[in-house]
Amino acid sequence: MCPPETAHHAALRLLDWQAKLFDKYPKWALQTPLQVAGLSFPNPVGLAAGFDNHAAHLPALFHMGFGFIEVGGITPKAQSGHPKPRLFRLPAQQSLLNRIGFCNRGVDYLVENLKKRPIGQIVGVNICKNTNTSLVDALNDYLYCFDRVAPFCDYVTINISSPNMTGLRELQHKEYCQQLLTGLKKAQRDYADRYQRVVPLWIKVAPDLSNEEIKVLADIFCAQQMDAIVATNTTINRDNVPIEWRSQPGGISGRALSARADAVLAAFYEAVGEAIPLVGVGGIISLADAKCKRAAGAKLLQLYSGLIYEGPGLVKEIVTGL
């Protein structure tokens, strides 16, 4: 059997080839424009970060009908991530275990690809610090990435919630989070003053937060006037996976994450209401899952594992079904 990571890259190459034959954006993907976080989306279904780290396959992915695509996670400098194998399928649970660890070629490589991005399509960039950057110095890494990508993308997502970088989730703690967001919001304002263009700042949270942690973060996000909350990243919880996988490091996505991701999404909606738009991600395998996310408060949706298990047809199913 082909290793999942190898299959992933092979599938992307196949999609690139198909897009050259059929390069038109599908008509069914053009819905009534949806205004969220200062942007106009052709439909509410997006591709989550991690699928196309370097923005190398945007035409092919937009051909599938996505309303927006988030690329990355990206770090200032290139890094190799964790040793292979590091991506595993859990087919009985329609889930994935991922411990890739921010393998990427660095933000400058990404920017060169963003310069060639499709015109008129919404592209966001998921940014993070390098593995060897301390939490104390993390802001400098995020600022560097923001400054580099802001001219070439439509929004930026601040990733402080991946379980695949040791200590990263500590940036969700109150003091670190306040410092980080204060610095990035200042960078956002400075950029807007210079270029008369606001680049929305989204923030991606973990599904493993307690109710009290959610309330604390919600207060910070509201005070900082964040443009959107992405709920959620992958989980370290192992309750819904087979026993042989429970000792394996990495984050779980897909069906095994769905219930917890929905609960955290709903808790953030209860905490922030309509003050900050919510992006629902985690365990969307069907139209019914997408409707659950919308019912929990999500304005926009993102797919990843569902695309692996159900294929490109899932995008059309959800877009037309909603």
C-alpha atoms as a PDB file:
ATOM      1  CA  MET A   1       0.000   0.000   0.000  1.00  0.00           C
ATOM      2  CA  CYS A   2       1.246   3.489  -0.874  1.00  0.00           C
ATOM      3  CA  PRO A   3       2.229   5.501   2.242  1.00  0.00           C
ATOM      4  CA  PRO A   4      -0.343   8.260   2.959  1.00  0.00           C
ATOM      5  CA  GLU A   5       2.145  11.101   2.564  1.00  0.00           C
ATOM      6  CA  THR A   6       3.342   9.759  -0.790  1.00  0.00           C
ATOM      7  CA  ALA A   7      -0.259   9.270  -1.930  1.00  0.00           C
ATOM      8  CA  HIS A   8      -1.048  12.849  -0.917  1.00  0.00           C
ATOM      9  CA  HIS A   9       1.657  14.310  -3.142  1.00  0.00           C
ATOM     10  CA  ALA A  10       0.717  11.995  -6.018  1.00  0.00           C
ATOM     11  CA  ALA A  11      -2.905  13.103  -5.763  1.00  0.00           C
ATOM     12  CA  LEU A  12      -1.872  16.748  -5.914  1.00  0.00           C
ATOM     13  CA  ARG A  13       0.111  16.112  -9.095  1.00  0.00           C
ATOM     14  CA  LEU A  14      -2.938  14.395 -10.631  1.00  0.00           C
ATOM     15  CA  LEU A  15      -5.135  17.347  -9.693  1.00  0.00           C
ATOM     16  CA  ASP A  16      -2.633  19.705 -11.316  1.00  0.00           C
ATOM     17  CA  TRP A  17      -2.879  17.713 -14.537  1.00  0.00           C
ATOM     18  CA  GLN A  18      -6.690  17.698 -14.472  1.00  0.00           C
ATOM     19  CA  ALA A  19      -6.814  21.447 -13.881  1.00  0.00           C
ATOM     20  CA  LYS A  20      -4.825  22.046 -17.071  1.00  0.00           C
ATOM     21  CA  LEU A  21      -7.554  20.238 -19.023  1.00  0.00           C
ATOM     22  CA  PHE A  22     -10.502  21.812 -17.204  1.00  0.00           C
ATOM     23  CA  ASP A  23      -9.349  25.168 -15.918  1.00  0.00           C
ATOM     24  CA  LYS A  24     -12.702  26.902 -15.342  1.00  0.00           C
ATOM     25  CA  TYR A  25     -14.044  27.558 -11.863  1.00  0.00           C
ATOM     26  CA  PRO A  26     -17.236  25.429 -11.551  1.00  0.00           C
ATOM     27  CA  LYS A  27     -20.495  27.360 -11.863  1.00  0.00           C
ATOM     28  CA  TRP A  28     -22.108  25.502  -8.951  1.00  0.00           C
ATOM     29  CA  ALA A  29     -19.411  26.932  -6.650  1.00  0.00           C
ATOM     30  CA  LEU A  30     -20.575  30.496  -7.315  1.00  0.00           C
ATOM     31  CA  GLN A  31     -23.243  31.095  -4.710  1.00  0.00           C
ATOM     32  CA  THR A  32     -24.643  34.370  -3.374  1.00  0.00           C
ATOM     33  CA  PRO A  33     -21.490  36.170  -2.143  1.00  0.00           C
ATOM     34  CA  LEU A  34     -20.934  35.729   1.603  1.00  0.00           C
ATOM     35  CA  GLN A  35     -19.430  38.674   3.484  1.00  0.00           C
ATOM     36  CA  VAL A  36     -17.235  37.520   6.381  1.00  0.00           C
ATOM     37  CA  ALA A  37     -14.330  39.278   8.104  1.00  0.00           C
ATOM     38  CA  GLY A  38     -14.226  41.996   5.470  1.00  0.00           C
ATOM     39  CA  LEU A  39     -13.966  39.530   2.582  1.00  0.00           C
ATOM     40  CA  SER A  40     -16.482  38.356  -0.035  1.00  0.00           C
ATOM     41  CA  PHE A  41     -16.581  34.568  -0.400  1.00  0.00           C
ATOM     42  CA  PRO A  42     -18.203  32.858  -3.420  1.00  0.00           C
ATOM     43  CA  ASN A  43     -19.264  30.023  -1.089  1.00  0.00           C
ATOM     44  CA  PRO A  44     -18.557  29.103   2.545  1.00  0.00           C
ATOM     45  CA  VAL A  45     -16.496  25.932   1.998  1.00  0.00           C
ATOM     46  CA  GLY A  46     -12.718  26.257   2.257  1.00  0.00           C
ATOM     47  CA  LEU A  47      -9.679  23.998   2.269  1.00  0.00           C
ATOM     48  CA  ALA A  48      -7.900  23.834   5.626  1.00  0.00           C
ATOM     49  CA  ALA A  49      -4.210  24.527   6.139  1.00  0.00           C
ATOM     50  CA  GLY A  50      -1.806  21.622   5.764  1.00  0.00           C
ATOM     51  CA  PHE A  51      -3.090  20.311   2.441  1.00  0.00           C
ATOM     52  CA  ASP A  52      -1.016  22.642   0.257  1.00  0.00           C
ATOM     53  CA  ASN A  53       1.773  23.992   2.426  1.00  0.00           C
ATOM     54  CA  HIS A  54       3.502  26.025  -0.268  1.00  0.00           C
ATOM     55  CA  ALA A  55       0.618  27.321  -2.414  1.00  0.00           C
ATOM     56  CA  ALA A  56       1.974  25.152  -5.225  1.00  0.00           C
ATOM     57  CA  HIS A  57      -1.365  23.693  -6.361  1.00  0.00           C
ATOM     58  CA  LEU A  58      -3.870  26.547  -6.086  1.00  0.00           C
ATOM     59  CA  PRO A  59      -5.376  26.375  -9.614  1.00  0.00           C
ATOM     60  CA  ALA A  60      -6.080  22.658  -9.229  1.00  0.00           C
ATOM     61  CA  LEU A  61      -7.581  23.046  -5.766  1.00  0.00           C
ATOM     62  CA  PHE A  62      -9.803  25.961  -6.735  1.00  0.00           C
ATOM     63  CA  HIS A  63     -10.995  23.878  -9.678  1.00  0.00           C
ATOM     64  CA  MET A  64     -12.610  21.602  -7.058  1.00  0.00           C
ATOM     65  CA  GLY A  65     -14.968  24.457  -6.138  1.00  0.00           C
ATOM     66  CA  PHE A  66     -13.559  25.724  -2.865  1.00  0.00           C
ATOM     67  CA  GLY A  67     -14.683  29.200  -1.837  1.00  0.00           C
ATOM     68  CA  PHE A  68     -11.283  29.864  -0.274  1.00  0.00           C
ATOM     69  CA  ILE A  69      -8.017  28.052   0.393  1.00  0.00           C
ATOM     70  CA  GLU A  70      -5.691  28.348   3.371  1.00  0.00           C
ATOM     71  CA  VAL A  71      -2.069  27.427   2.673  1.00  0.00           C
ATOM     72  CA  GLY A  72       0.704  26.647   5.129  1.00  0.00           C
ATOM     73  CA  GLY A  73       1.459  26.240   8.001  1.00  0.00           C
ATOM     74  CA  ILE A  74       4.524  28.178   7.156  1.00  0.00           C
ATOM     75  CA  THR A  75       7.498  29.224   9.270  1.00  0.00           C
ATOM     76  CA  PRO A  76      10.162  31.910   8.696  1.00  0.00           C
ATOM     77  CA  LYS A  77      12.890  29.385   7.915  1.00  0.00           C
ATOM     78  CA  ALA A  78      12.652  26.025   6.189  1.00  0.00           C
ATOM     79  CA  GLN A  79      12.432  22.984   8.434  1.00  0.00           C
ATOM     80  CA  SER A  80      12.204  19.259   7.771  1.00  0.00           C
ATOM     81  CA  GLY A  81       9.548  18.294  10.314  1.00  0.00           C
ATOM     82  CA  HIS A  82       9.458  14.959  12.119  1.00  0.00           C
ATOM     83  CA  PRO A  83      10.900  11.708  10.746  1.00  0.00           C
ATOM     84  CA  LYS A  84       8.782   9.608   8.396  1.00  0.00           C
ATOM     85  CA  PRO A  85       6.362   7.893   8.587  1.00  0.00           C
ATOM     86  CA  ARG A  86       4.385  10.773  10.078  1.00  0.00           C
ATOM     87  CA  LEU A  87       0.940  10.644   8.437  1.00  0.00           C
ATOM     88  CA  PHE A  88      -1.366   7.693   9.060  1.00  0.00           C
ATOM     89  CA  ARG A  89      -4.885   6.762   7.991  1.00  0.00           C
ATOM     90  CA  LEU A  90      -7.398   5.370  10.504  1.00  0.00           C
ATOM     91  CA  PRO A  91     -10.015   4.242   7.954  1.00  0.00           C
ATOM     92  CA  ALA A  92     -12.481   2.663  10.382  1.00  0.00           C
ATOM     93  CA  GLN A  93     -12.788   6.057  12.080  1.00  0.00           C
ATOM     94  CA  GLN A  94     -12.467   8.079   8.846  1.00  0.00           C
ATOM     95  CA  SER A  95      -9.648   9.899  10.603  1.00  0.00           C
ATOM     96  CA  LEU A  96      -5.989  10.779  10.220  1.00  0.00           C
ATOM     97  CA  LEU A  97      -3.086  10.842  12.650  1.00  0.00           C
ATOM     98  CA  ASN A  98      -0.613  13.542  11.668  1.00  0.00           C
ATOM     99  CA  ARG A  99       2.746  14.345  13.207  1.00  0.00           C
ATOM    100  CA  ILE A 100       4.379  15.982  10.198  1.00  0.00           C
ATOM    101  CA  GLY A 101       5.602  18.873  12.343  1.00  0.00           C
ATOM    102  CA  PHE A 102       5.503  21.932  10.065  1.00  0.00           C
ATOM    103  CA  CYS A 103       7.659  20.510   7.301  1.00  0.00           C
ATOM    104  CA  ASN A 104       8.003  23.423   4.871  1.00  0.00           C
ATOM    105  CA  ARG A 105      10.491  25.298   2.697  1.00  0.00           C
ATOM    106  CA  GLY A 106      10.122  28.596   4.529  1.00  0.00           C
ATOM    107  CA  VAL A 107       8.028  31.674   3.981  1.00  0.00           C
ATOM    108  CA  ASP A 108      10.132  33.126   1.161  1.00  0.00           C
ATOM    109  CA  TYR A 109       9.518  30.033  -0.987  1.00  0.00           C
ATOM    110  CA  LEU A 110       5.795  30.309  -0.303  1.00  0.00           C
ATOM    111  CA  VAL A 111       5.754  33.978  -1.290  1.00  0.00           C
ATOM    112  CA  GLU A 112       7.212  33.192  -4.713  1.00  0.00           C
ATOM    113  CA  ASN A 113       4.293  30.821  -5.322  1.00  0.00           C
ATOM    114  CA  LEU A 114       1.751  33.313  -3.979  1.00  0.00           C
ATOM    115  CA  LYS A 115       2.952  35.813  -6.575  1.00  0.00           C
ATOM    116  CA  LYS A 116       1.577  33.397  -9.204  1.00  0.00           C
ATOM    117  CA  ARG A 117      -1.758  32.717  -7.428  1.00  0.00           C
ATOM    118  CA  PRO A 118      -5.079  32.729  -9.339  1.00  0.00           C
ATOM    119  CA  ILE A 119      -6.575  36.194  -9.659  1.00  0.00           C
ATOM    120  CA  GLY A 120      -9.833  36.839  -7.832  1.00  0.00           C
ATOM    121  CA  GLN A 121      -9.728  33.788  -5.522  1.00  0.00           C
ATOM    122  CA  ILE A 122      -9.441  34.063  -1.732  1.00  0.00           C
ATOM    123  CA  VAL A 123      -6.193  32.678  -0.309  1.00  0.00           C
ATOM    124  CA  GLY A 124      -5.194  32.735   3.349  1.00  0.00           C
ATOM    125  CA  VAL A 125      -1.840  31.865   4.899  1.00  0.00           C
ATOM    126  CA  ASN A 126      -1.402  29.915   8.130  1.00  0.00           C
ATOM    127  CA  ILE A 127       1.695  31.176   9.970  1.00  0.00           C
ATOM    128  CA  CYS A 128       3.707  29.808  12.871  1.00  0.00           C
ATOM    129  CA  LYS A 129       7.079  30.065  14.601  1.00  0.00           C
ATOM    130  CA  ASN A 130      10.045  27.814  13.855  1.00  0.00           C
ATOM    131  CA  THR A 131      10.463  24.798  16.114  1.00  0.00           C
ATOM    132  CA  ASN A 132      13.724  26.101  17.607  1.00  0.00           C
ATOM    133  CA  THR A 133      12.342  29.591  18.357  1.00  0.00           C
ATOM    134  CA  SER A 134      11.535  30.064  22.033  1.00  0.00           C
ATOM    135  CA  LEU A 135       8.082  31.129  23.169  1.00  0.00           C
ATOM    136  CA  VAL A 136       9.586  34.387  24.424  1.00  0.00           C
ATOM    137  CA  ASP A 137      10.801  35.176  20.899  1.00  0.00           C
ATOM    138  CA  ALA A 138       7.804  33.721  19.072  1.00  0.00           C
ATOM    139  CA  LEU A 139       6.304  37.105  18.198  1.00  0.00           C
ATOM    140  CA  ASN A 140       9.309  37.948  16.009  1.00  0.00           C
ATOM    141  CA  ASP A 141       8.703  34.827  13.887  1.00  0.00           C
ATOM    142  CA  TYR A 142       4.995  35.571  13.452  1.00  0.00           C
ATOM    143  CA  LEU A 143       5.722  39.211  12.586  1.00  0.00           C
ATOM    144  CA  TYR A 144       8.298  38.170  10.004  1.00  0.00           C
ATOM    145  CA  CYS A 145       5.810  35.814   8.340  1.00  0.00           C
ATOM    146  CA  PHE A 146       3.017  38.399   8.442  1.00  0.00           C
ATOM    147  CA  ASP A 147       5.189  41.072   6.832  1.00  0.00           C
ATOM    148  CA  ARG A 148       6.291  38.714   4.076  1.00  0.00           C
ATOM    149  CA  VAL A 149       2.874  37.272   3.144  1.00  0.00           C
ATOM    150  CA  ALA A 150       0.533  40.231   3.741  1.00  0.00           C
ATOM    151  CA  PRO A 151       1.004  41.768   0.260  1.00  0.00           C
ATOM    152  CA  PHE A 152       0.154  38.483  -1.460  1.00  0.00           C
ATOM    153  CA  CYS A 153      -2.767  36.969   0.482  1.00  0.00           C
ATOM    154  CA  ASP A 154      -6.285  37.849   1.611  1.00  0.00           C
ATOM    155  CA  TYR A 155      -6.022  36.892   5.271  1.00  0.00           C
ATOM    156  CA  VAL A 156      -3.519  35.463   7.747  1.00  0.00           C
ATOM    157  CA  THR A 157      -4.241  32.741  10.311  1.00  0.00           C
ATOM    158  CA  ILE A 158      -2.179  32.702  13.505  1.00  0.00           C
ATOM    159  CA  ASN A 159      -1.481  29.085  14.422  1.00  0.00           C
ATOM    160  CA  ILE A 160      -0.949  28.671  18.169  1.00  0.00           C
ATOM    161  CA  SER A 161      -2.691  25.332  18.495  1.00  0.00           C
ATOM    162  CA  SER A 162      -0.932  22.561  16.586  1.00  0.00           C
ATOM    163  CA  PRO A 163       0.017  19.637  18.845  1.00  0.00           C
ATOM    164  CA  ASN A 164       2.912  18.747  16.526  1.00  0.00           C
ATOM    165  CA  MET A 165       5.337  21.377  17.777  1.00  0.00           C
ATOM    166  CA  THR A 166       6.487  20.955  21.361  1.00  0.00           C
ATOM    167  CA  GLY A 167       5.222  23.766  23.581  1.00  0.00           C
ATOM    168  CA  LEU A 168       3.366  25.644  20.853  1.00  0.00           C
ATOM    169  CA  ARG A 169       0.020  25.397  22.614  1.00  0.00           C
ATOM    170  CA  GLU A 170       1.444  27.333  25.542  1.00  0.00           C
ATOM    171  CA  LEU A 171       0.889  30.390  23.327  1.00  0.00           C
ATOM    172  CA  GLN A 172      -2.795  29.905  24.125  1.00  0.00           C
ATOM    173  CA  HIS A 173      -2.047  30.825  27.739  1.00  0.00           C
ATOM    174  CA  LYS A 174      -3.242  34.297  28.665  1.00  0.00           C
ATOM    175  CA  GLU A 175       0.052  36.181  29.008  1.00  0.00           C
ATOM    176  CA  TYR A 176       1.683  34.735  25.878  1.00  0.00           C
ATOM    177  CA  CYS A 177      -1.501  35.135  23.849  1.00  0.00           C
ATOM    178  CA  GLN A 178      -2.044  38.756  24.803  1.00  0.00           C
ATOM    179  CA  GLN A 179       1.547  39.668  23.936  1.00  0.00           C
ATOM    180  CA  LEU A 180       1.433  37.837  20.623  1.00  0.00           C
ATOM    181  CA  LEU A 181      -1.873  39.297  19.478  1.00  0.00           C
ATOM    182  CA  THR A 182      -1.013  42.816  20.611  1.00  0.00           C
ATOM    183  CA  GLY A 183       2.097  42.717  18.436  1.00  0.00           C
ATOM    184  CA  LEU A 184       0.342  41.226  15.421  1.00  0.00           C
ATOM    185  CA  LYS A 185      -2.632  43.579  15.579  1.00  0.00           C
ATOM    186  CA  LYS A 186      -0.197  46.500  15.643  1.00  0.00           C
ATOM    187  CA  ALA A 187       1.487  45.049  12.548  1.00  0.00           C
ATOM    188  CA  GLN A 188      -1.930  44.751  10.908  1.00  0.00           C
ATOM    189  CA  ARG A 189      -2.734  48.418  11.652  1.00  0.00           C
ATOM    190  CA  ASP A 190       0.682  49.601  10.492  1.00  0.00           C
ATOM    191  CA  TYR A 191       0.295  47.697   7.242  1.00  0.00           C
ATOM    192  CA  ALA A 192      -3.173  49.171   6.705  1.00  0.00           C
ATOM    193  CA  ASP A 193      -1.852  52.684   7.335  1.00  0.00           C
ATOM    194  CA  ARG A 194       0.948  52.223   4.806  1.00  0.00           C
ATOM    195  CA  TYR A 195      -1.001  50.539   2.035  1.00  0.00           C
ATOM    196  CA  GLN A 196      -4.673  51.408   2.742  1.00  0.00           C
ATOM    197  CA  ARG A 197      -5.509  47.713   2.864  1.00  0.00           C
ATOM    198  CA  VAL A 198      -6.524  45.634   5.862  1.00  0.00           C
ATOM    199  CA  VAL A 199      -5.307  42.027   5.952  1.00  0.00           C
ATOM    200  CA  PRO A 200      -7.687  40.194   8.334  1.00  0.00           C
ATOM    201  CA  LEU A 201      -6.109  38.254  11.188  1.00  0.00           C
ATOM    202  CA  TRP A 202      -7.693  34.913  12.050  1.00  0.00           C
ATOM    203  CA  ILE A 203      -6.589  32.721  14.960  1.00  0.00           C
ATOM    204  CA  LYS A 204      -6.728  28.919  15.128  1.00  0.00           C
ATOM    205  CA  VAL A 205      -7.509  27.258  18.457  1.00  0.00           C
ATOM    206  CA  ALA A 206      -7.166  23.745  19.863  1.00  0.00           C
ATOM    207  CA  PRO A 207     -10.075  21.387  20.508  1.00  0.00           C
ATOM    208  CA  ASP A 208      -8.557  20.348  23.841  1.00  0.00           C
ATOM    209  CA  LEU A 209      -9.352  23.586  25.682  1.00  0.00           C
ATOM    210  CA  SER A 210     -11.384  23.594  28.899  1.00  0.00           C
ATOM    211  CA  ASN A 211     -14.493  25.753  29.186  1.00  0.00           C
ATOM    212  CA  GLU A 212     -12.588  28.163  31.404  1.00  0.00           C
ATOM    213  CA  GLU A 213      -9.739  28.427  28.881  1.00  0.00           C
ATOM    214  CA  ILE A 214     -12.267  29.124  26.135  1.00  0.00           C
ATOM    215  CA  LYS A 215     -13.759  31.989  28.148  1.00  0.00           C
ATOM    216  CA  VAL A 216     -10.334  33.507  28.804  1.00  0.00           C
ATOM    217  CA  LEU A 217      -9.332  33.274  25.148  1.00  0.00           C
ATOM    218  CA  ALA A 218     -12.690  34.613  23.972  1.00  0.00           C
ATOM    219  CA  ASP A 219     -12.203  37.707  26.146  1.00  0.00           C
ATOM    220  CA  ILE A 220      -8.736  38.254  24.692  1.00  0.00           C
ATOM    221  CA  PHE A 221      -9.932  37.767  21.109  1.00  0.00           C
ATOM    222  CA  CYS A 222     -12.771  40.247  21.605  1.00  0.00           C
ATOM    223  CA  ALA A 223     -10.504  42.799  23.268  1.00  0.00           C
ATOM    224  CA  GLN A 224      -8.007  42.478  20.408  1.00  0.00           C
ATOM    225  CA  GLN A 225     -10.810  42.614  17.800  1.00  0.00           C
ATOM    226  CA  MET A 226      -9.673  39.484  16.021  1.00  0.00           C
ATOM    227  CA  ASP A 227     -11.215  39.101  12.573  1.00  0.00           C
ATOM    228  CA  ALA A 228     -12.132  35.398  12.845  1.00  0.00           C
ATOM    229  CA  ILE A 229     -11.650  32.332  15.052  1.00  0.00           C
ATOM    230  CA  VAL A 230     -10.820  28.991  13.410  1.00  0.00           C
ATOM    231  CA  ALA A 231     -12.165  26.155  15.559  1.00  0.00           C
ATOM    232  CA  THR A 232     -10.429  23.747  15.666  1.00  0.00           C
ATOM    233  CA  ASN A 233      -6.994  22.276  15.085  1.00  0.00           C
ATOM    234  CA  THR A 234      -6.284  18.551  15.574  1.00  0.00           C
ATOM    235  CA  THR A 235      -6.726  16.847  18.948  1.00  0.00           C
ATOM    236  CA  ILE A 236      -4.425  14.966  21.306  1.00  0.00           C
ATOM    237  CA  ASN A 237      -7.429  13.159  22.791  1.00  0.00           C
ATOM    238  CA  ARG A 238      -7.417   9.430  22.040  1.00  0.00           C
ATOM    239  CA  ASP A 239     -10.885   8.376  23.248  1.00  0.00           C
ATOM    240  CA  ASN A 240     -12.233   7.749  19.745  1.00  0.00           C
ATOM    241  CA  VAL A 241      -9.316   5.873  18.169  1.00  0.00           C
ATOM    242  CA  PRO A 242      -8.284   2.181  18.334  1.00  0.00           C
ATOM    243  CA  ILE A 243      -6.114   1.203  21.281  1.00  0.00           C
ATOM    244  CA  GLU A 244      -3.070   0.524  19.093  1.00  0.00           C
ATOM    245  CA  TRP A 245      -2.968   4.216  18.110  1.00  0.00           C
ATOM    246  CA  ARG A 246      -3.416   5.720  21.558  1.00  0.00           C
ATOM    247  CA  SER A 247       0.285   5.832  22.414  1.00  0.00           C
ATOM    248  CA  GLN A 248       1.273   7.280  19.033  1.00  0.00           C
ATOM    249  CA  PRO A 249       2.211  10.991  19.087  1.00  0.00           C
ATOM    250  CA  GLY A 250       0.501  13.463  16.780  1.00  0.00           C
ATOM    251  CA  GLY A 251      -2.819  15.161  16.205  1.00  0.00           C
ATOM    252  CA  ILE A 252      -6.042  13.363  15.277  1.00  0.00           C
ATOM    253  CA  SER A 253      -8.355  14.830  12.632  1.00  0.00           C
ATOM    254  CA  GLY A 254     -11.475  13.562  10.890  1.00  0.00           C
ATOM    255  CA  ARG A 255     -14.501  11.790  12.357  1.00  0.00           C
ATOM    256  CA  ALA A 256     -12.774  11.063  15.686  1.00  0.00           C
ATOM    257  CA  LEU A 257     -12.415  14.830  16.211  1.00  0.00           C
ATOM    258  CA  SER A 258     -15.874  15.883  15.070  1.00  0.00           C
ATOM    259  CA  ALA A 259     -17.860  15.917  18.325  1.00  0.00           C
ATOM    260  CA  ARG A 260     -15.206  17.741  20.321  1.00  0.00           C
ATOM    261  CA  ALA A 261     -14.571  20.269  17.550  1.00  0.00           C
ATOM    262  CA  ASP A 262     -18.316  20.997  17.411  1.00  0.00           C
ATOM    263  CA  ALA A 263     -18.455  21.465  21.182  1.00  0.00           C
ATOM    264  CA  VAL A 264     -15.554  23.926  21.194  1.00  0.00           C
ATOM    265  CA  LEU A 265     -17.035  25.790  18.233  1.00  0.00           C
ATOM    266  CA  ALA A 266     -20.353  26.121  20.058  1.00  0.00           C
ATOM    267  CA  ALA A 267     -18.603  27.256  23.247  1.00  0.00           C
ATOM    268  CA  PHE A 268     -16.770  30.006  21.385  1.00  0.00           C
ATOM    269  CA  TYR A 269     -20.005  31.091  19.741  1.00  0.00           C
ATOM    270  CA  GLU A 270     -21.648  31.300  23.161  1.00  0.00           C
ATOM    271  CA  ALA A 271     -18.706  33.392  24.374  1.00  0.00           C
ATOM    272  CA  VAL A 272     -18.315  35.808  21.439  1.00  0.00           C
ATOM    273  CA  GLY A 273     -21.700  35.699  19.719  1.00  0.00           C
ATOM    274  CA  GLU A 274     -21.683  37.664  16.484  1.00  0.00           C
ATOM    275  CA  ALA A 275     -18.743  39.844  17.556  1.00  0.00           C
ATOM    276  CA  ILE A 276     -16.199  37.575  15.822  1.00  0.00           C
ATOM    277  CA  PRO A 277     -17.001  35.250  12.875  1.00  0.00           C
ATOM    278  CA  LEU A 278     -16.264  31.575  13.444  1.00  0.00           C
ATOM    279  CA  VAL A 279     -14.734  29.137  10.970  1.00  0.00           C
ATOM    280  CA  GLY A 280     -15.738  25.530  11.652  1.00  0.00           C
ATOM    281  CA  VAL A 281     -13.181  22.826  10.910  1.00  0.00           C
ATOM    282  CA  GLY A 282     -12.631  19.319  12.233  1.00  0.00           C
ATOM    283  CA  GLY A 283     -14.472  16.168  11.218  1.00  0.00           C
ATOM    284  CA  ILE A 284     -16.569  17.396   8.286  1.00  0.00           C
ATOM    285  CA  ILE A 285     -17.064  14.169   6.354  1.00  0.00           C
ATOM    286  CA  SER A 286     -20.575  14.818   5.021  1.00  0.00           C
ATOM    287  CA  LEU A 287     -23.191  17.473   4.370  1.00  0.00           C
ATOM    288  CA  ALA A 288     -24.772  16.587   7.717  1.00  0.00           C
ATOM    289  CA  ASP A 289     -21.480  17.377   9.476  1.00  0.00           C
ATOM    290  CA  ALA A 290     -21.296  20.710   7.696  1.00  0.00           C
ATOM    291  CA  LYS A 291     -24.825  21.544   8.817  1.00  0.00           C
ATOM    292  CA  CYS A 292     -23.863  20.738  12.415  1.00  0.00           C
ATOM    293  CA  LYS A 293     -20.985  23.204  12.185  1.00  0.00           C
ATOM    294  CA  ARG A 294     -23.285  25.884  10.808  1.00  0.00           C
ATOM    295  CA  ALA A 295     -25.815  25.188  13.579  1.00  0.00           C
ATOM    296  CA  ALA A 296     -23.020  25.563  16.160  1.00  0.00           C
ATOM    297  CA  GLY A 297     -22.266  29.059  14.882  1.00  0.00           C
ATOM    298  CA  ALA A 298     -19.806  28.720  11.991  1.00  0.00           C
ATOM    299  CA  LYS A 299     -20.032  31.277   9.196  1.00  0.00           C
ATOM    300  CA  LEU A 300     -17.402  29.465   7.123  1.00  0.00           C
ATOM    301  CA  LEU A 301     -16.206  25.848   6.943  1.00  0.00           C
ATOM    302  CA  GLN A 302     -12.920  24.120   6.174  1.00  0.00           C
ATOM    303  CA  LEU A 303     -12.231  20.556   5.021  1.00  0.00           C
ATOM    304  CA  TYR A 304      -9.168  18.328   5.119  1.00  0.00           C
ATOM    305  CA  SER A 305      -9.664  14.721   6.259  1.00  0.00           C
ATOM    306  CA  GLY A 306     -13.111  14.556   4.652  1.00  0.00           C
ATOM    307  CA  LEU A 307     -11.504  15.322   1.323  1.00  0.00           C
ATOM    308  CA  ILE A 308      -9.115  12.378   1.811  1.00  0.00           C
ATOM    309  CA  TYR A 309     -11.928   9.934   2.530  1.00  0.00           C
ATOM    310  CA  GLU A 310     -14.768  11.238   0.350  1.00  0.00           C
ATOM    311  CA  GLY A 311     -12.868  12.859  -2.517  1.00  0.00           C
ATOM    312  CA  PRO A 312     -13.523  16.125  -4.369  1.00  0.00           C
ATOM    313  CA  GLY A 313     -17.234  15.363  -4.684  1.00  0.00           C
ATOM    314  CA  LEU A 314     -17.620  16.279  -1.009  1.00  0.00           C
ATOM    315  CA  VAL A 315     -16.993  19.933  -1.847  1.00  0.00           C
ATOM    316  CA  LYS A 316     -19.876  20.039  -4.336  1.00  0.00           C
ATOM    317  CA  GLU A 317     -22.137  18.038  -1.994  1.00  0.00           C
ATOM    318  CA  ILE A 318     -21.672  20.586   0.812  1.00  0.00           C
ATOM    319  CA  VAL A 319     -21.700  23.752  -1.307  1.00  0.00           C
ATOM    320  CA  THR A 320     -24.886  22.840  -3.162  1.00  0.00           C
ATOM    321  CA  GLY A 321     -26.481  21.211  -0.103  1.00  0.00           C
ATOM    322  CA  LEU A 322     -26.058  24.292   2.061  1.00  0.00           C
END
